[in-house]
Protein backbone atom coordinates (compact mmCIF):
# COMPACT_ATOMS: atom_id res chain seq x y z
CA MET A 1 17.22 -100.38 16.49
CA SER A 2 17.99 -102.85 13.69
CA ASP A 3 19.47 -101.75 10.38
CA PRO A 4 17.10 -100.56 7.62
CA VAL A 5 15.88 -103.22 5.20
CA PRO A 6 15.17 -102.65 1.49
CA LEU A 7 11.42 -102.61 0.90
CA ALA A 8 11.62 -105.21 -1.88
CA SER A 9 13.44 -107.59 0.46
CA LEU A 10 10.86 -107.09 3.20
CA ILE A 11 7.99 -107.79 0.80
CA ARG A 12 9.78 -110.84 -0.60
CA ASP A 13 10.34 -112.33 2.87
CA GLY A 14 6.70 -111.67 3.77
CA THR A 15 5.54 -113.29 0.55
CA ASP A 16 7.62 -116.39 1.27
CA ARG A 17 6.20 -116.65 4.80
CA LEU A 18 2.63 -116.36 3.54
CA ARG A 19 3.27 -118.89 0.77
CA GLN A 20 4.56 -121.38 3.33
CA ALA A 21 1.36 -120.83 5.32
CA GLY A 22 -0.64 -121.94 2.28
CA LEU A 23 -2.19 -118.63 1.23
CA ARG A 24 -3.24 -118.66 -2.41
CA GLU A 25 -2.00 -115.20 -3.40
CA PRO A 26 0.90 -114.54 -1.03
CA ARG A 27 2.46 -111.59 -2.87
CA ARG A 28 -0.85 -109.81 -3.28
CA GLU A 29 -1.51 -110.31 0.42
CA ALA A 30 1.95 -109.06 1.38
CA LEU A 31 1.44 -105.94 -0.73
CA ARG A 32 -2.00 -105.38 0.77
CA LEU A 33 -0.59 -105.66 4.29
CA TRP A 34 2.10 -103.11 3.49
CA ALA A 35 -0.38 -100.72 1.87
CA ASP A 36 -2.87 -100.89 4.75
CA LEU A 37 -0.37 -100.71 7.59
CA MET A 38 1.75 -97.92 6.15
CA ASP A 39 -1.02 -95.96 4.41
CA ASP A 40 0.87 -96.56 1.18
CA ASP A 41 -0.34 -97.96 -2.11
CA HIS A 42 0.56 -101.17 -3.89
CA THR A 43 2.94 -99.38 -6.25
CA GLY A 44 5.42 -98.41 -3.53
CA PRO A 45 7.37 -101.70 -3.57
CA VAL A 46 7.39 -101.60 -7.39
CA LEU A 47 8.42 -97.96 -7.89
CA ALA A 48 10.83 -97.76 -4.96
CA PRO A 49 12.02 -101.33 -4.27
CA GLU A 50 15.26 -100.18 -2.65
CA ARG A 51 13.59 -97.76 -0.29
CA PRO A 52 15.05 -98.40 3.19
CA VAL A 53 12.50 -99.48 5.77
CA VAL A 54 13.41 -98.50 9.31
CA GLY A 55 13.26 -100.93 12.21
CA ASP A 56 9.83 -100.02 13.64
CA GLU A 57 8.10 -100.17 10.26
CA ALA A 58 9.81 -103.43 9.36
CA GLU A 59 8.82 -104.97 12.70
CA ARG A 60 5.19 -103.91 12.30
CA PHE A 61 5.08 -105.50 8.87
CA ARG A 62 6.71 -108.74 10.06
CA GLU A 63 4.26 -109.01 12.96
CA ALA A 64 1.38 -108.46 10.55
CA VAL A 65 2.68 -111.23 8.29
CA ILE A 66 2.85 -113.62 11.25
CA ARG A 67 -0.76 -112.81 12.17
CA ARG A 68 -1.93 -113.28 8.58
CA ALA A 69 -0.03 -116.56 8.28
CA ALA A 70 -1.94 -117.73 11.37
CA GLY A 71 -5.22 -117.09 9.55
CA GLU A 72 -6.29 -113.73 10.99
CA PRO A 73 -8.32 -111.71 8.46
CA LEU A 74 -6.59 -108.80 6.76
CA ALA A 75 -9.18 -106.32 8.01
CA TYR A 76 -8.49 -107.18 11.65
CA ILE A 77 -4.75 -106.89 11.15
CA SER A 78 -4.93 -103.48 9.50
CA GLY A 79 -7.84 -102.46 11.74
CA GLN A 80 -9.86 -101.06 8.86
CA ALA A 81 -12.40 -102.02 6.22
CA GLY A 82 -13.93 -100.10 3.34
CA PHE A 83 -17.71 -99.83 2.98
CA ARG A 84 -19.35 -97.62 0.35
CA ARG A 85 -17.83 -94.16 1.00
CA LEU A 86 -16.50 -95.05 4.44
CA THR A 87 -13.30 -96.43 5.90
CA LEU A 88 -14.28 -98.12 9.16
CA ARG A 89 -12.34 -99.27 12.18
CA VAL A 90 -12.91 -102.99 12.72
CA ASP A 91 -11.62 -105.63 15.09
CA ARG A 92 -12.75 -108.96 16.50
CA ARG A 93 -15.66 -107.34 18.33
CA VAL A 94 -17.54 -106.95 15.04
CA LEU A 95 -18.21 -108.70 11.74
CA ILE A 96 -16.09 -107.49 8.82
CA PRO A 97 -18.40 -105.58 6.43
CA ARG A 98 -19.01 -107.41 3.15
CA PRO A 99 -19.47 -105.86 -0.32
CA GLU A 100 -22.90 -107.49 -0.61
CA THR A 101 -24.20 -105.48 2.32
CA GLU A 102 -23.48 -102.23 0.48
CA GLY A 103 -26.40 -103.11 -1.81
CA LEU A 104 -28.77 -103.21 1.17
CA VAL A 105 -28.03 -99.55 1.88
CA GLU A 106 -28.59 -98.64 -1.76
CA ARG A 107 -31.99 -100.30 -1.84
CA LEU A 108 -33.26 -98.72 1.34
CA LEU A 109 -32.09 -95.28 0.23
CA ALA A 110 -34.08 -95.72 -2.98
CA ARG A 111 -37.29 -96.43 -1.04
CA ALA A 112 -37.06 -94.43 2.17
CA PRO A 113 -34.33 -91.76 2.09
CA GLU A 114 -35.87 -89.58 4.82
CA GLY A 115 -37.47 -89.80 8.23
CA ARG A 116 -36.32 -91.90 11.17
CA VAL A 117 -34.42 -95.10 10.40
CA ALA A 118 -32.82 -97.89 12.45
CA ASP A 119 -30.01 -100.31 11.64
CA ILE A 120 -30.56 -103.48 13.65
CA GLY A 121 -27.43 -105.44 14.60
CA THR A 122 -25.20 -102.54 13.63
CA GLY A 123 -21.81 -104.09 14.47
CA SER A 124 -19.19 -101.68 13.13
CA GLY A 125 -21.95 -99.24 12.25
CA CYS A 126 -21.40 -99.65 8.51
CA ILE A 127 -25.08 -99.54 7.52
CA ALA A 128 -26.13 -96.85 10.01
CA LEU A 129 -23.21 -94.57 9.18
CA SER A 130 -23.74 -94.94 5.44
CA LEU A 131 -27.41 -94.03 5.89
CA ALA A 132 -26.42 -91.02 8.01
CA GLN A 133 -23.91 -89.90 5.39
CA GLU A 134 -25.98 -90.50 2.26
CA GLY A 135 -29.60 -90.09 3.34
CA GLY A 136 -31.73 -87.20 4.50
CA TYR A 137 -32.84 -88.73 7.80
CA HIS A 138 -33.55 -86.63 10.85
CA GLU A 139 -32.38 -89.53 13.03
CA VAL A 140 -30.40 -92.70 12.40
CA ILE A 141 -30.44 -95.30 15.19
CA ALA A 142 -27.71 -97.93 15.46
CA VAL A 143 -28.91 -100.94 17.48
CA ASP A 144 -26.91 -103.87 18.81
CA ARG A 145 -27.22 -106.19 21.80
CA SER A 146 -23.42 -106.32 22.20
CA PRO A 147 -21.85 -103.48 24.25
CA ALA A 148 -18.51 -104.31 22.59
CA ALA A 149 -19.98 -103.88 19.11
CA LEU A 150 -21.65 -100.61 20.10
CA ALA A 151 -18.28 -99.36 21.33
CA VAL A 152 -16.83 -99.93 17.86
CA ALA A 153 -19.79 -98.21 16.21
CA ARG A 154 -19.34 -95.29 18.61
CA GLU A 155 -15.67 -95.00 17.67
CA ASN A 156 -16.52 -94.98 13.98
CA ALA A 157 -19.30 -92.42 14.39
CA GLY A 158 -16.96 -90.13 16.31
CA GLU A 159 -14.14 -90.57 13.83
CA MET A 160 -16.40 -89.61 10.92
CA ASP A 161 -18.44 -87.02 12.80
CA LEU A 162 -21.69 -88.62 11.65
CA PRO A 163 -24.77 -88.31 13.91
CA VAL A 164 -26.18 -91.66 15.02
CA THR A 165 -28.09 -92.67 18.15
CA LEU A 166 -26.68 -95.81 19.75
CA VAL A 167 -29.13 -98.18 21.42
CA ARG A 168 -28.43 -101.46 23.17
CA SER A 169 -31.23 -103.88 22.36
CA ASP A 170 -31.94 -107.46 21.37
CA LEU A 171 -33.08 -106.76 17.81
CA THR A 172 -36.05 -104.35 17.90
CA SER A 173 -37.27 -105.09 21.43
CA ALA A 174 -36.19 -101.73 22.92
CA LEU A 175 -37.69 -99.58 20.15
CA ALA A 176 -41.02 -97.84 20.58
CA SER A 177 -44.07 -98.86 18.59
CA GLY A 178 -44.67 -96.84 15.44
CA SER A 179 -41.40 -94.94 15.87
CA LEU A 180 -39.65 -95.66 12.56
CA ASP A 181 -40.09 -94.83 8.89
CA ALA A 182 -37.55 -97.44 7.77
CA LEU A 183 -35.54 -100.32 9.15
CA ALA A 184 -32.46 -102.07 7.78
CA ALA A 185 -30.71 -105.17 9.08
CA ASN A 186 -28.06 -107.66 8.13
CA PRO A 187 -29.02 -110.24 10.77
CA PRO A 188 -27.20 -113.52 11.38
CA TYR A 189 -28.57 -116.04 8.89
CA LEU A 190 -26.43 -119.19 8.92
CA THR A 191 -27.61 -122.49 10.35
CA GLU A 192 -25.63 -123.99 13.20
CA ALA A 193 -24.28 -126.64 10.81
CA GLU A 194 -23.27 -124.02 8.24
CA TYR A 195 -21.48 -122.04 10.91
CA ARG A 196 -19.48 -125.08 12.00
CA ALA A 197 -18.52 -125.73 8.36
CA LEU A 198 -17.26 -122.18 7.73
CA ASP A 199 -13.71 -121.56 6.61
CA PRO A 200 -11.51 -121.29 9.73
CA GLY A 201 -10.48 -117.82 8.57
CA VAL A 202 -14.04 -116.74 9.37
CA ARG A 203 -15.17 -119.09 12.12
CA ALA A 204 -12.09 -118.72 14.31
CA TRP A 205 -12.04 -114.93 14.19
CA GLU A 206 -15.41 -113.28 13.53
CA PRO A 207 -18.15 -113.20 16.23
CA GLU A 208 -20.49 -116.18 16.11
CA ALA A 209 -23.44 -114.07 17.26
CA ALA A 210 -23.22 -112.07 14.03
CA LEU A 211 -23.25 -115.18 11.84
CA ALA A 212 -25.37 -118.05 13.22
CA SER A 213 -29.11 -117.94 13.87
CA GLY A 214 -30.51 -121.20 15.14
CA ALA A 215 -30.97 -124.61 13.60
CA ASP A 216 -32.58 -123.29 10.40
CA GLY A 217 -30.74 -119.96 10.08
CA LEU A 218 -34.02 -118.05 10.09
CA GLU A 219 -34.53 -117.28 13.77
CA ALA A 220 -33.38 -113.64 13.69
CA THR A 221 -34.95 -112.97 10.28
CA PHE A 222 -38.36 -114.25 11.37
CA ARG A 223 -38.21 -112.27 14.62
CA LEU A 224 -37.45 -109.10 12.67
CA LEU A 225 -40.28 -109.74 10.22
CA ASP A 226 -42.63 -110.14 13.16
CA ASP A 227 -41.67 -107.23 15.41
CA ALA A 228 -40.76 -104.74 12.66
CA ARG A 229 -44.51 -104.50 12.01
CA ARG A 230 -44.81 -102.98 15.48
CA VAL A 231 -41.95 -100.46 15.28
CA LEU A 232 -42.58 -99.22 11.73
CA ARG A 233 -45.21 -96.63 10.94
CA PRO A 234 -47.82 -97.54 8.30
CA GLY A 235 -46.14 -97.49 4.90
CA GLY A 236 -42.68 -97.85 6.43
CA TRP A 237 -40.01 -99.89 4.63
CA LEU A 238 -38.04 -102.92 5.77
CA ALA A 239 -34.79 -103.99 4.07
CA LEU A 240 -33.12 -107.24 5.18
CA GLU A 241 -30.06 -109.06 3.96
CA VAL A 242 -30.83 -112.78 3.80
CA ASP A 243 -29.03 -115.96 2.87
CA CYS A 244 -29.64 -116.74 -0.79
CA THR A 245 -30.83 -120.26 0.03
CA ARG A 246 -33.48 -118.91 2.42
CA ALA A 247 -34.71 -115.84 0.56
CA VAL A 248 -37.89 -117.55 -0.63
CA PRO A 249 -38.94 -118.87 2.81
CA ALA A 250 -38.25 -115.43 4.28
CA ALA A 251 -40.38 -113.74 1.61
CA ARG A 252 -43.15 -116.30 2.14
CA GLN A 253 -43.12 -115.52 5.87
CA ALA A 254 -43.29 -111.80 5.15
CA GLY A 255 -46.37 -112.32 3.02
CA ALA A 256 -48.00 -114.47 5.67
CA LEU A 257 -47.44 -111.73 8.25
CA GLY A 258 -49.17 -109.14 6.11
CA TRP A 259 -46.22 -107.25 4.62
CA THR A 260 -46.91 -105.67 1.23
CA ALA A 261 -44.67 -104.98 -1.81
CA VAL A 262 -42.59 -108.01 -0.80
CA GLU A 263 -39.67 -108.40 -3.18
CA ILE A 264 -36.45 -110.40 -3.41
CA GLN A 265 -33.52 -108.79 -5.20
CA SER A 266 -30.12 -110.19 -6.17
CA ASP A 267 -26.69 -108.98 -5.12
CA LEU A 268 -23.79 -108.10 -7.40
CA PHE A 269 -22.97 -111.81 -7.72
CA GLY A 270 -26.49 -112.70 -8.90
CA ARG A 271 -27.54 -114.32 -5.61
CA GLU A 272 -30.92 -113.65 -4.03
CA ARG A 273 -29.73 -111.49 -1.16
CA TYR A 274 -32.16 -108.68 -0.28
CA LEU A 275 -35.68 -108.90 1.07
CA LEU A 276 -37.69 -105.70 0.74
CA ALA A 277 -41.14 -105.22 2.21
CA ARG A 278 -43.51 -102.46 3.22
CA ARG A 279 -45.72 -102.24 6.27
CA SER A 280 -49.35 -102.15 5.32
CA THR A 281 -51.03 -98.77 5.46
CA ALA A 282 -54.17 -100.47 6.80
CA PRO A 283 -54.80 -100.12 10.56
């Protein structure tokens, strides 16, 4: 085993490596890596800079710095991401949860906090698990077509002891007609061109299937708007996350399909991000 290294020295070397890799805030990133990997906080290197770091811990940190310098997202390196009240396990099998998606949960809870609800394209399970934790549902269904993604959602559900039903399905195709009171989804909504133009830190690491949706970016959204009418009971609510540049076409399509109470709401950055709609109570 190598000799212990002062924590301040380890952080300084990591910061230098990340700066050479071109990261914009190398010290902040080095501190974040330390905090996440060691279950520490950012004050450790400040309050105890001479703390000796033993060989295994130092090696873990150095390996993490190398991965981050190569462009791998912080969440995949630490293996965790925060979402509302949850700390989720994440890796390259699933999309990293974004802060904007937290608002989707909030809006569905305000409209349909009870009954039977499904999260379509669950990925890590962030939406489904938040609904299970915060709502009063008698069943929460987490749907994904990827067995690998469902495995991550299963791990998270077990870790948090939250009851969700896992279903493998291409969007809503495996769900029974009239079986839901509410449906939430953060479907892929980038065009193929937008996906190709993404920052390499996203495109090279996160799953394409969770990001791109055809030539116009609306393929999955339009399919959900169509088939959700079948799986929702009359009066049931639909909450979709959409790309801000395509919120209006999505809302127009919802209206054309007969959805009522169609509304676009903005995210915390002021971008049109959420499409809310209700299934008609008419037969």
